[in-house]
Amino acid sequence: MLKQKSQTLTAQYTGPEMSIFIDTGIFIAYVNKKDEHHVVATDLLENIMKNKYGAVFTSDLVFNELMTFILYKSGDVKKARQVKDIILGNDKEGIPRFINMLFIDQEILENGWNTFAKYANKMLSFTDCSIIELMKNRSIDHLASFDGGFDGIVSRISY
């Protein structure tokens, strides 16, 4: 069986020894001014950009879920590009990268499946379960998410 090493696209971080993982819903609320969580998501992302929560992470599965959701809901690739630039940075536009992108590997995939099956009663998506496993694997302290299904499994910051 092919074993793939876990990869990370890194951002510069010089803050305190703390870390946070950003879930899909935070980005969706940030870009959608009509979202009930827009103000909270905007404040949260601004604080994250100011290093209040330490090193910042998201994953390729979150990125996939997010780009698909934005395009399907808005039909506007420009909105998807705006969020892509926030996550990956854009040197041409002067937008620095501040988020570390984690890529799932075979181990996270398998452990994610086990978590998916274990917490089926919480109705977590497979992407959610991969987030749990990435947070465990990388010792990420906190999760930024509006999804209460994570409660009792990982430390979700309160808003």
Protein backbone atom coordinates (compact mmCIF):
# COMPACT_ATOMS: atom_id res chain seq x y z
CA MET A 1 0.00 0.00 0.00
CA LEU A 2 1.33 3.44 -0.91
CA LYS A 3 2.32 5.50 2.14
CA GLN A 4 2.31 9.22 1.58
CA LYS A 5 4.18 11.52 3.93
CA SER A 6 2.12 14.27 5.51
CA GLN A 7 2.87 17.64 3.95
CA THR A 8 2.49 21.19 5.16
CA LEU A 9 2.56 24.49 3.27
CA THR A 10 3.91 26.80 5.93
CA ALA A 11 3.36 30.40 6.90
CA GLN A 12 5.60 32.55 9.06
CA TYR A 13 4.63 32.60 12.70
CA THR A 14 6.36 34.42 15.53
CA GLY A 15 3.71 34.49 18.27
CA PRO A 16 3.14 32.54 21.49
CA GLU A 17 3.30 28.75 21.67
CA MET A 18 -0.33 28.09 20.88
CA SER A 19 -2.12 26.86 17.77
CA ILE A 20 -5.53 26.91 16.13
CA PHE A 21 -7.21 25.04 13.28
CA ILE A 22 -9.79 26.90 11.18
CA ASP A 23 -12.85 24.96 10.01
CA THR A 24 -14.83 25.62 6.83
CA GLY A 25 -17.71 27.49 8.46
CA ILE A 26 -15.45 30.29 9.71
CA PHE A 27 -14.34 31.10 6.17
CA ILE A 28 -17.89 30.82 4.80
CA ALA A 29 -19.24 33.22 7.43
CA TYR A 30 -16.36 35.61 6.79
CA VAL A 31 -17.00 35.88 3.04
CA ASN A 32 -20.82 35.94 3.33
CA LYS A 33 -21.95 39.24 4.83
CA LYS A 34 -25.48 37.86 5.22
CA ASP A 35 -24.31 34.91 7.34
CA GLU A 36 -25.51 35.06 10.96
CA HIS A 37 -21.90 34.50 12.10
CA HIS A 38 -20.27 37.04 9.74
CA VAL A 39 -19.31 39.60 12.41
CA VAL A 40 -17.94 36.94 14.75
CA ALA A 41 -16.00 35.24 11.94
CA THR A 42 -14.56 38.57 10.79
CA ASP A 43 -13.43 39.49 14.33
CA LEU A 44 -12.02 36.01 14.85
CA LEU A 45 -10.02 36.01 11.61
CA GLU A 46 -8.69 39.49 12.36
CA ASN A 47 -7.53 38.28 15.80
CA ILE A 48 -6.01 35.17 14.25
CA MET A 49 -4.12 37.36 11.75
CA LYS A 50 -2.79 39.36 14.72
CA ASN A 51 -1.33 36.12 16.20
CA LYS A 52 -3.75 36.06 19.13
CA TYR A 53 -4.18 32.28 18.77
CA GLY A 54 -0.68 31.32 17.64
CA ALA A 55 0.16 29.15 14.67
CA VAL A 56 -2.79 28.81 12.27
CA PHE A 57 -3.76 25.68 10.37
CA THR A 58 -6.38 24.40 7.98
CA SER A 59 -6.36 21.42 5.61
CA ASP A 60 -6.66 20.43 2.01
CA LEU A 61 -10.05 18.83 2.75
CA VAL A 62 -11.33 22.05 4.33
CA PHE A 63 -10.02 23.97 1.31
CA ASN A 64 -11.78 21.54 -1.05
CA GLU A 65 -15.06 21.74 0.89
CA LEU A 66 -14.84 25.53 1.05
CA MET A 67 -14.08 26.17 -2.64
CA THR A 68 -16.85 23.80 -3.71
CA PHE A 69 -19.38 25.35 -1.32
CA ILE A 70 -18.60 28.93 -2.36
CA LEU A 71 -18.77 28.18 -6.09
CA TYR A 72 -21.98 26.14 -5.78
CA LYS A 73 -23.74 28.70 -3.57
CA SER A 74 -22.57 31.89 -5.27
CA GLY A 75 -21.66 30.78 -8.78
CA ASP A 76 -18.87 33.34 -8.45
CA VAL A 77 -15.29 32.14 -8.76
CA LYS A 78 -14.14 35.62 -7.64
CA LYS A 79 -15.52 34.96 -4.16
CA ALA A 80 -13.73 31.61 -4.11
CA ARG A 81 -10.52 33.36 -5.23
CA GLN A 82 -10.89 35.91 -2.40
CA VAL A 83 -10.95 33.11 0.18
CA LYS A 84 -8.17 31.20 -1.62
CA ASP A 85 -6.01 34.32 -1.31
CA ILE A 86 -6.75 34.56 2.42
CA ILE A 87 -5.73 30.94 2.93
CA LEU A 88 -2.83 30.59 0.50
CA GLY A 89 -1.75 34.23 0.27
CA ASN A 90 -1.24 36.11 -2.98
CA ASP A 91 2.12 37.77 -3.56
CA LYS A 92 0.86 39.69 -6.60
CA GLU A 93 -1.91 41.29 -4.48
CA GLY A 94 0.30 41.79 -1.42
CA ILE A 95 -1.68 39.30 0.67
CA PRO A 96 0.69 37.38 2.96
CA ARG A 97 0.20 33.74 3.85
CA PHE A 98 -0.70 33.33 7.52
CA ILE A 99 -2.25 29.86 7.44
CA ASN A 100 -0.36 26.57 7.40
CA MET A 101 -2.02 24.13 5.00
CA LEU A 102 -2.01 20.53 6.21
CA PHE A 103 -2.47 17.66 3.77
CA ILE A 104 -3.97 14.40 4.92
CA ASP A 105 -1.88 11.27 4.44
CA GLN A 106 -2.72 7.57 4.63
CA GLU A 107 -2.52 7.51 8.45
CA ILE A 108 -4.86 10.51 8.86
CA LEU A 109 -7.21 9.01 6.25
CA GLU A 110 -7.43 5.70 8.13
CA ASN A 111 -7.69 7.32 11.57
CA GLY A 112 -10.26 9.74 10.17
CA TRP A 113 -12.38 6.80 9.09
CA ASN A 114 -12.17 5.28 12.58
CA THR A 115 -13.20 8.61 14.11
CA PHE A 116 -16.02 8.93 11.56
CA ALA A 117 -17.38 5.55 12.60
CA LYS A 118 -16.84 6.19 16.34
CA TYR A 119 -18.72 9.50 16.35
CA ALA A 120 -21.44 8.62 13.82
CA ASN A 121 -24.07 9.70 16.36
CA LYS A 122 -22.65 13.27 16.26
CA MET A 123 -23.20 13.42 12.48
CA LEU A 124 -19.70 14.79 11.84
CA SER A 125 -18.60 14.88 8.23
CA PHE A 126 -15.54 12.95 7.13
CA THR A 127 -13.76 16.29 6.74
CA ASP A 128 -14.61 17.05 10.39
CA CYS A 129 -13.16 13.71 11.45
CA SER A 130 -9.98 14.38 9.47
CA ILE A 131 -9.71 17.71 11.33
CA ILE A 132 -9.90 15.87 14.66
CA GLU A 133 -7.14 13.51 13.58
CA LEU A 134 -4.94 16.30 12.21
CA MET A 135 -5.35 18.23 15.46
CA LYS A 136 -4.32 15.15 17.48
CA ASN A 137 -1.44 14.33 15.14
CA ARG A 138 -0.06 17.88 15.12
CA SER A 139 -0.95 18.72 18.74
CA ILE A 140 -3.08 21.69 17.65
CA ASP A 141 -4.59 23.33 20.73
CA HIS A 142 -7.87 24.85 19.57
CA LEU A 143 -10.47 24.65 16.83
CA ALA A 144 -12.23 27.67 15.32
CA SER A 145 -15.60 26.29 14.28
CA PHE A 146 -19.28 27.04 14.65
CA ASP A 147 -19.98 23.28 14.63
CA GLY A 148 -20.98 22.07 18.11
CA GLY A 149 -20.47 18.46 17.01
CA PHE A 150 -16.80 18.88 17.92
CA ASP A 151 -17.61 19.65 21.56
CA GLY A 152 -16.21 17.07 23.95
CA ILE A 153 -13.77 15.82 21.31
CA VAL A 154 -11.44 18.78 20.72
CA SER A 155 -11.10 22.21 22.33
CA ARG A 156 -13.35 24.55 20.35
CA ILE A 157 -12.85 28.23 21.10
CA SER A 158 -15.91 30.05 22.35
CA TYR A 159 -17.24 33.21 20.71
